[in-house]
Structures are given as structure tokens and as C-alpha cells.
Amino acid sequence: MRTGIRLLENLAMPAVHVVEPGNTLYSVARLHDVHPSCLSELNGVWDHLQPGMVLRIPAP
């Protein structure tokens, strides 16, 4: 049974950011040190971010 626990420990969860009021694509990209176009392409958005949206953050 210990094996199942070990597998969960090694599972890499993707980084995400939950959009808050006032966030822009540029501010989120700057916060996570990624290029805005990479963030946009991965999430299929450019503007009109809505509070509560979950954005995937690209790996460095």
C-alpha cells in the first residue's frame, strides 16, 4: 500500500493561477516569470480575464 502513496508524492501537478479582480495577462505572467504570449497560448486567452478563471502556468 505504501507504493500508492509514493506514486502520489511523485506526481507533478501543473502550476495554476486563479484570476483575481484586477489581474491582467501581463500581471499574471510577470508574477510567475513567464512570457505573456506563452501564458496566452497555453490558456487560449488574451484579454478579458474574469475573476475565478483558472490559468495554467507554463513550466519554466
Protein backbone atom coordinates (compact mmCIF):
# COMPACT_ATOMS: atom_id res chain seq x y z
CA MET A 1 0.00 0.00 0.00
CA ARG A 2 2.95 2.29 0.58
CA THR A 3 3.63 2.16 -3.16
CA GLY A 4 0.41 4.06 -3.95
CA ILE A 5 1.36 6.83 -1.57
CA ARG A 6 4.81 7.10 -3.11
CA LEU A 7 3.30 7.41 -6.59
CA LEU A 8 1.15 10.32 -5.47
CA GLU A 9 4.19 12.05 -3.98
CA ASN A 10 5.99 11.86 -7.33
CA LEU A 11 3.05 13.09 -9.40
CA ALA A 12 3.85 16.59 -10.64
CA MET A 13 0.80 18.83 -10.53
CA PRO A 14 0.72 21.63 -13.08
CA ALA A 15 1.04 25.14 -11.69
CA VAL A 16 -2.15 27.19 -11.86
CA HIS A 17 -3.22 30.74 -11.04
CA VAL A 18 -6.76 31.71 -10.05
CA VAL A 19 -7.54 35.12 -11.55
CA GLU A 20 -8.40 37.81 -9.03
CA PRO A 21 -10.11 41.15 -9.71
CA GLY A 22 -7.66 43.50 -11.41
CA ASN A 23 -5.39 40.75 -12.76
CA THR A 24 -4.25 41.11 -16.35
CA LEU A 25 -2.46 38.61 -18.52
CA TYR A 26 0.67 40.72 -18.15
CA SER A 27 0.46 40.90 -14.35
CA VAL A 28 -0.07 37.14 -14.03
CA ALA A 29 2.81 36.44 -16.45
CA ARG A 30 5.09 38.80 -14.52
CA LEU A 31 4.09 37.20 -11.21
CA HIS A 32 5.05 33.73 -12.47
CA ASP A 33 8.07 34.89 -14.53
CA VAL A 34 6.73 33.64 -17.87
CA HIS A 35 6.25 35.41 -21.20
CA PRO A 36 2.70 36.72 -21.69
CA SER A 37 2.40 35.09 -25.13
CA CYS A 38 3.27 31.66 -23.64
CA LEU A 39 0.62 32.12 -20.95
CA SER A 40 -1.90 33.29 -23.55
CA GLU A 41 -1.23 30.43 -25.95
CA LEU A 42 -1.41 27.74 -23.27
CA ASN A 43 -4.76 29.02 -21.97
CA GLY A 44 -6.35 30.25 -25.18
CA VAL A 45 -6.97 33.76 -23.82
CA TRP A 46 -5.51 37.16 -24.48
CA ASP A 47 -7.66 39.61 -22.60
CA HIS A 48 -10.99 39.74 -20.77
CA LEU A 49 -9.79 37.66 -17.84
CA GLN A 50 -12.61 37.04 -15.39
CA PRO A 51 -12.16 36.64 -11.62
CA GLY A 52 -12.21 32.95 -10.75
CA MET A 53 -10.72 31.77 -14.07
CA VAL A 54 -8.03 29.16 -13.61
CA LEU A 55 -4.96 29.72 -15.78
CA ARG A 56 -2.37 27.01 -16.30
CA ILE A 57 1.17 28.31 -15.86
CA PRO A 58 3.75 27.02 -18.38
CA ALA A 59 6.77 25.21 -16.99
CA PRO A 60 9.95 27.29 -16.95
